[in-house]
Amino acid sequence: VQLQASGGGTVQAGDSLRLSCAASGPTSSRIIMGWFRQAPGKEREFVSREIWSGGRIDYRDSVKGRFTMSRGNAKNLVYLQMNSLKPEDTAVYSCAAKYGPGGFEYWGQGTQVTVSS
């Protein structure tokens, strides 16, 4: 499974961005997707993740009400709509995928999001 995230950029606090992630290769409808981010000098943290393929989504507390993860019309396309961005949202955002209840197995290269105050 190959993952490609895109849509990052440099914005001001309060602006919005939409990230996209396309999964390609040997995938199935059972694929479970997630978004993660890593800020400089910090560990990678989850941003949002499906609990099951195309189903309920969990968000980290700091992005609830501001970020929305959704599936695209294409089966293996996911989005992360990020509104009311804050400087603390600055990080490299990556999408990830898995098929089972364990940890995410497949990772794509990230896209940089920089939010200036």
Protein backbone atom coordinates (compact mmCIF):
# COMPACT_ATOMS: atom_id res chain seq x y z
CA VAL A 1 0.00 0.00 0.00
CA GLN A 2 1.39 3.37 -1.00
CA LEU A 3 0.12 6.56 0.56
CA GLN A 4 0.57 10.09 -0.68
CA ALA A 5 -0.47 13.12 1.33
CA SER A 6 -0.80 16.56 -0.18
CA GLY A 7 -2.33 19.95 0.48
CA GLY A 8 -0.01 21.40 3.10
CA GLY A 9 1.19 24.96 3.08
CA THR A 10 1.87 28.09 5.08
CA VAL A 11 -1.14 29.93 6.42
CA GLN A 12 -2.01 32.41 9.12
CA ALA A 13 -3.74 31.61 12.37
CA GLY A 14 -7.46 31.24 11.81
CA ASP A 15 -7.11 30.08 8.22
CA SER A 16 -8.13 26.72 6.79
CA LEU A 17 -6.40 23.99 4.83
CA ARG A 18 -7.58 20.71 3.39
CA LEU A 19 -5.17 17.80 3.22
CA SER A 20 -5.71 14.87 0.90
CA CYS A 21 -4.36 11.34 1.04
CA ALA A 22 -4.59 8.77 -1.72
CA ALA A 23 -3.92 5.10 -1.07
CA SER A 24 -2.77 3.01 -4.00
CA GLY A 25 -1.48 -0.47 -4.60
CA PRO A 26 -3.07 -3.63 -3.21
CA THR A 27 -5.86 -2.14 -1.13
CA SER A 28 -9.34 -3.29 -0.22
CA SER A 29 -12.54 -1.72 1.04
CA ARG A 30 -11.56 -2.76 4.56
CA ILE A 31 -8.66 -0.29 4.71
CA ILE A 32 -8.68 1.89 7.83
CA MET A 33 -7.15 5.34 7.51
CA GLY A 34 -5.70 7.85 9.90
CA TRP A 35 -3.91 11.17 10.07
CA PHE A 36 -0.88 11.84 12.24
CA ARG A 37 1.44 14.78 12.73
CA GLN A 38 4.91 15.45 14.04
CA ALA A 39 6.14 18.83 15.14
CA PRO A 40 9.86 19.63 15.36
CA GLY A 41 11.40 18.09 18.45
CA LYS A 42 8.22 16.24 19.36
CA GLU A 43 6.96 12.71 18.97
CA ARG A 44 4.46 11.80 16.32
CA GLU A 45 0.88 12.04 17.54
CA PHE A 46 -2.40 10.96 16.11
CA VAL A 47 -4.73 13.62 14.79
CA SER A 48 -7.69 11.57 13.61
CA ARG A 49 -8.30 7.92 12.86
CA GLU A 50 -11.11 5.69 11.72
CA ILE A 51 -12.21 3.10 14.23
CA TRP A 52 -13.34 0.91 11.33
CA SER A 53 -13.17 1.38 7.59
CA GLY A 54 -15.40 4.27 6.58
CA GLY A 55 -16.91 4.41 10.05
CA ARG A 56 -16.59 6.31 13.30
CA ILE A 57 -13.67 8.67 13.59
CA ASP A 58 -11.74 9.62 16.71
CA TYR A 59 -9.99 12.96 17.05
CA ARG A 60 -7.38 14.16 19.47
CA ASP A 61 -8.87 16.63 21.91
CA SER A 62 -6.93 19.63 20.68
CA VAL A 63 -8.44 19.42 17.18
CA LYS A 64 -12.02 18.45 18.02
CA GLY A 65 -14.47 20.88 16.51
CA ARG A 66 -11.82 22.29 14.16
CA PHE A 67 -10.65 19.32 12.08
CA THR A 68 -12.83 16.94 10.10
CA MET A 69 -11.66 13.71 8.50
CA SER A 70 -13.74 12.33 5.66
CA ARG A 71 -13.66 9.85 2.82
CA GLY A 72 -13.67 10.97 -0.76
CA ASN A 73 -15.84 9.58 -3.54
CA ALA A 74 -12.91 7.46 -4.64
CA LYS A 75 -12.64 4.46 -2.36
CA ASN A 76 -9.15 5.04 -1.07
CA LEU A 77 -9.13 8.81 -0.77
CA VAL A 78 -9.37 10.61 2.55
CA TYR A 79 -9.37 14.26 3.49
CA LEU A 80 -8.51 16.25 6.58
CA GLN A 81 -10.32 19.58 6.64
CA MET A 82 -8.54 21.85 9.09
CA ASN A 83 -10.30 25.03 10.17
CA SER A 84 -9.36 27.71 12.67
CA LEU A 85 -5.72 26.70 12.47
CA LYS A 86 -3.42 27.62 15.33
CA PRO A 87 0.37 27.99 15.45
CA GLU A 88 0.50 24.85 17.58
CA ASP A 89 -0.93 22.91 14.63
CA THR A 90 2.35 23.44 12.80
CA ALA A 91 3.77 20.03 11.94
CA VAL A 92 4.40 17.53 9.19
CA TYR A 93 1.11 15.73 8.60
CA SER A 94 1.11 12.14 7.38
CA CYS A 95 -1.59 9.71 6.51
CA ALA A 96 -1.46 6.08 7.53
CA ALA A 97 -3.40 2.90 6.85
CA LYS A 98 -4.04 -0.50 8.34
CA TYR A 99 -6.38 -3.45 8.02
CA GLY A 100 -6.74 -4.74 11.52
CA PRO A 101 -7.23 -3.58 15.11
CA GLY A 102 -3.52 -3.12 15.80
CA GLY A 103 -1.22 -0.26 14.96
CA PHE A 104 -1.04 1.47 11.61
CA GLU A 105 1.12 -0.49 9.21
CA TYR A 106 1.49 1.73 6.19
CA TRP A 107 2.78 5.28 6.18
CA GLY A 108 3.12 7.91 3.54
CA GLN A 109 5.45 10.84 3.23
CA GLY A 110 4.11 13.84 5.03
CA THR A 111 3.08 17.29 3.97
CA GLN A 112 4.22 20.35 5.88
CA VAL A 113 1.65 22.59 7.53
CA THR A 114 2.94 25.86 8.96
CA VAL A 115 0.65 28.23 10.82
CA SER A 116 1.96 31.68 11.61
CA SER A 117 0.56 33.89 14.35
